[in-house]
Protein backbone atom coordinates (compact mmCIF):
# COMPACT_ATOMS: atom_id res chain seq x y z
CA UNK A 1 50.30 -136.09 -36.88
CA UNK A 2 53.54 -134.44 -37.32
CA UNK A 3 53.80 -130.72 -36.43
CA UNK A 4 56.39 -129.09 -38.85
CA UNK A 5 57.67 -125.43 -38.17
CA UNK A 6 59.39 -123.46 -40.88
CA UNK A 7 62.50 -121.61 -39.96
CA UNK A 8 64.78 -119.13 -41.50
CA UNK A 9 67.95 -121.06 -40.17
CA UNK A 10 70.49 -122.47 -42.62
CA UNK A 11 71.99 -125.87 -41.88
CA UNK A 12 75.32 -127.42 -43.07
CA UNK A 13 75.63 -130.71 -44.84
CA UNK A 14 76.90 -132.84 -47.97
CA UNK A 15 74.87 -130.83 -50.54
CA UNK A 16 72.14 -128.29 -50.80
CA UNK A 17 68.69 -129.26 -49.84
CA UNK A 18 66.16 -129.49 -47.20
CA UNK A 19 66.39 -131.66 -43.82
CA UNK A 20 64.29 -131.97 -40.83
CA UNK A 21 65.60 -131.26 -37.26
CA UNK A 22 63.93 -132.40 -34.04
CA UNK A 23 62.90 -129.05 -32.04
CA UNK A 24 61.96 -130.02 -28.77
CA UNK A 25 65.14 -131.81 -27.40
CA UNK A 26 67.04 -128.44 -26.29
CA UNK A 27 70.70 -129.22 -26.57
CA UNK A 28 70.32 -132.56 -28.49
CA UNK A 29 68.18 -131.57 -31.14
CA UNK A 30 69.61 -133.32 -34.20
CA UNK A 31 68.90 -134.16 -37.94
CA UNK A 32 65.85 -136.81 -38.16
CA UNK A 33 67.79 -140.06 -39.19
CA UNK A 34 65.99 -142.19 -41.76
CA UNK A 35 62.96 -143.87 -39.94
CA UNK A 36 63.12 -141.58 -36.93
CA UNK A 37 59.78 -139.96 -35.96
CA UNK A 38 59.38 -136.82 -34.06
CA UNK A 39 56.21 -134.60 -33.60
CA UNK A 40 57.92 -131.43 -33.26
CA UNK A 41 60.36 -130.71 -36.28
CA UNK A 42 61.88 -127.83 -38.13
CA UNK A 43 62.46 -127.89 -41.96
CA UNK A 44 66.03 -126.37 -42.62
CA UNK A 45 67.57 -125.40 -45.89
CA UNK A 46 70.97 -126.63 -45.98
CA UNK A 47 74.22 -125.86 -48.06
CA UNK A 48 77.69 -127.20 -47.86
CA UNK A 49 80.32 -125.55 -45.49
CA UNK A 50 82.36 -124.73 -48.69
CA UNK A 51 79.43 -122.73 -50.02
CA UNK A 52 78.81 -120.92 -46.71
CA UNK A 53 82.29 -120.09 -46.23
CA UNK A 54 83.41 -119.56 -49.82
CA UNK A 55 85.00 -116.09 -49.41
CA UNK A 56 86.15 -116.60 -45.72
CA UNK A 57 89.20 -117.47 -44.30
CA UNK A 58 88.46 -119.25 -40.93
CA UNK A 59 90.90 -120.08 -38.32
CA UNK A 60 89.12 -122.07 -35.92
CA UNK A 61 85.82 -123.96 -36.25
CA UNK A 62 83.51 -125.51 -33.61
CA UNK A 63 81.60 -128.39 -35.07
CA UNK A 64 79.18 -130.25 -32.82
CA UNK A 65 76.19 -131.55 -34.97
CA UNK A 66 74.83 -134.53 -32.72
CA UNK A 67 76.19 -137.15 -35.16
CA UNK A 68 75.92 -135.28 -38.33
CA UNK A 69 79.43 -134.54 -38.60
CA UNK A 70 80.38 -136.86 -41.42
CA UNK A 71 78.31 -135.35 -44.05
CA UNK A 72 79.11 -131.89 -43.00
CA UNK A 73 82.88 -132.72 -43.57
CA UNK A 74 82.12 -134.47 -46.97
CA UNK A 75 80.80 -130.76 -47.93
CA UNK A 76 83.86 -129.00 -46.46
CA UNK A 77 86.71 -130.17 -48.61
CA UNK A 78 87.76 -126.63 -49.80
CA UNK A 79 87.42 -125.21 -46.46
CA UNK A 80 89.40 -127.93 -44.76
CA UNK A 81 92.32 -127.23 -47.28
CA UNK A 82 92.52 -123.54 -46.38
CA UNK A 83 95.62 -122.95 -44.71
CA UNK A 84 94.24 -120.15 -42.36
CA UNK A 85 92.19 -122.92 -40.76
CA UNK A 86 94.50 -124.23 -37.95
CA UNK A 87 92.04 -125.79 -35.65
CA UNK A 88 88.76 -127.46 -35.60
CA UNK A 89 87.04 -128.40 -32.35
CA UNK A 90 84.73 -131.33 -33.04
CA UNK A 91 82.20 -133.40 -30.60
CA UNK A 92 82.77 -136.99 -31.18
CA UNK A 93 80.56 -138.85 -28.89
CA UNK A 94 79.15 -141.84 -30.84
CA UNK A 95 75.93 -139.76 -32.04
CA UNK A 96 76.82 -140.61 -35.59
CA UNK A 97 75.69 -144.17 -35.16
CA UNK A 98 72.09 -143.11 -35.52
CA UNK A 99 72.96 -142.26 -39.22
CA UNK A 100 75.39 -145.22 -39.96
CA UNK A 101 78.44 -143.20 -39.69
CA UNK A 102 81.51 -144.34 -38.14
CA UNK A 103 83.71 -141.59 -36.41
CA UNK A 104 86.99 -143.61 -37.65
CA UNK A 105 85.99 -142.01 -40.88
CA UNK A 106 86.15 -138.53 -39.41
CA UNK A 107 89.54 -139.14 -37.97
CA UNK A 108 90.81 -140.45 -41.27
CA UNK A 109 89.42 -137.46 -43.25
CA UNK A 110 90.80 -134.91 -40.57
CA UNK A 111 94.45 -136.77 -40.82
CA UNK A 112 94.06 -136.63 -44.70
CA UNK A 113 93.71 -132.78 -44.48
CA UNK A 114 96.87 -132.69 -42.04
CA UNK A 115 94.99 -132.35 -38.87
CA UNK A 116 96.22 -134.22 -35.56
CA UNK A 117 94.18 -135.02 -32.64
CA UNK A 118 94.77 -133.24 -29.31
CA UNK A 119 93.37 -132.38 -25.85
CA UNK A 120 94.27 -129.42 -23.84
CA UNK A 121 95.29 -128.93 -20.33
CA UNK A 122 94.24 -125.29 -19.34
CA UNK A 123 96.17 -125.31 -16.02
CA UNK A 124 99.31 -126.21 -17.47
CA UNK A 125 98.55 -124.46 -21.00
CA UNK A 126 99.62 -127.65 -22.77
CA UNK A 127 98.46 -129.66 -25.89
CA UNK A 128 98.31 -133.49 -25.29
CA UNK A 129 98.57 -135.47 -28.42
CA UNK A 130 95.83 -138.03 -28.63
CA UNK A 131 96.65 -140.43 -31.72
CA UNK A 132 92.74 -140.52 -31.94
CA UNK A 133 89.71 -139.07 -30.48
CA UNK A 134 89.34 -137.58 -26.96
CA UNK A 135 88.11 -140.59 -24.42
CA UNK A 136 87.85 -138.52 -21.68
CA UNK A 137 85.38 -135.80 -23.31
CA UNK A 138 83.22 -135.30 -26.19
CA UNK A 139 85.31 -132.76 -27.63
CA UNK A 140 88.42 -133.57 -29.63
CA UNK A 141 90.88 -130.72 -30.97
CA UNK A 142 92.07 -131.27 -34.58
CA UNK A 143 95.04 -129.27 -35.02
CA UNK A 144 97.07 -128.69 -38.07
CA UNK A 145 99.56 -126.11 -36.81
CA UNK A 146 100.57 -126.98 -33.17
CA UNK A 147 103.24 -124.22 -33.25
CA UNK A 148 100.81 -121.34 -33.95
CA UNK A 149 98.27 -122.71 -31.45
CA UNK A 150 100.89 -123.05 -28.60
CA UNK A 151 101.97 -119.42 -29.25
CA UNK A 152 98.62 -118.13 -28.03
CA UNK A 153 98.57 -119.40 -24.51
CA UNK A 154 102.17 -118.99 -24.14
CA UNK A 155 101.83 -115.26 -24.76
CA UNK A 156 98.48 -114.75 -23.20
CA UNK A 157 98.38 -113.09 -19.80
CA UNK A 158 97.95 -114.99 -16.67
CA UNK A 159 94.45 -115.02 -14.96
CA UNK A 160 93.54 -115.39 -11.35
CA UNK A 161 90.57 -117.63 -10.34
CA UNK A 162 89.72 -117.80 -6.46
CA UNK A 163 93.10 -116.60 -5.89
CA UNK A 164 95.16 -119.02 -7.88
CA UNK A 165 97.11 -118.00 -11.08
CA UNK A 166 96.75 -119.62 -14.43
């Protein structure tokens, strides 16, 4: 018998509704895929990112949805058009396959909104153009305004870690 717990959290997706999440998998909890079974689930109300951020002007977003990024981006067209939004950090690790999503669609969508893909070398304070997703890490940086993003580390104070300055 399935043990479902009610929650007051809000999720983000393609449209308003209710979806079920796993609740006993720690950092890899995720939206249940069609046909997937889990004993411990949480029913979550979802809305679009556009509805959640309607009156906001985000500058940076982190999207890590264990494969559910595609429908979330489909509900975020107005948010992704906002010129205030210069960067999105997104985990792309192949988890979308569980829902039948191809990460190439995510790359295409983000490119259509004017974002390009990068990784960041913190030791050199340098962006590295990827021309695709980050193959060395799950996180890919989608940046629309490279000059603005590069201005921050250039003007930030150096830090010392174990006697080495960065």
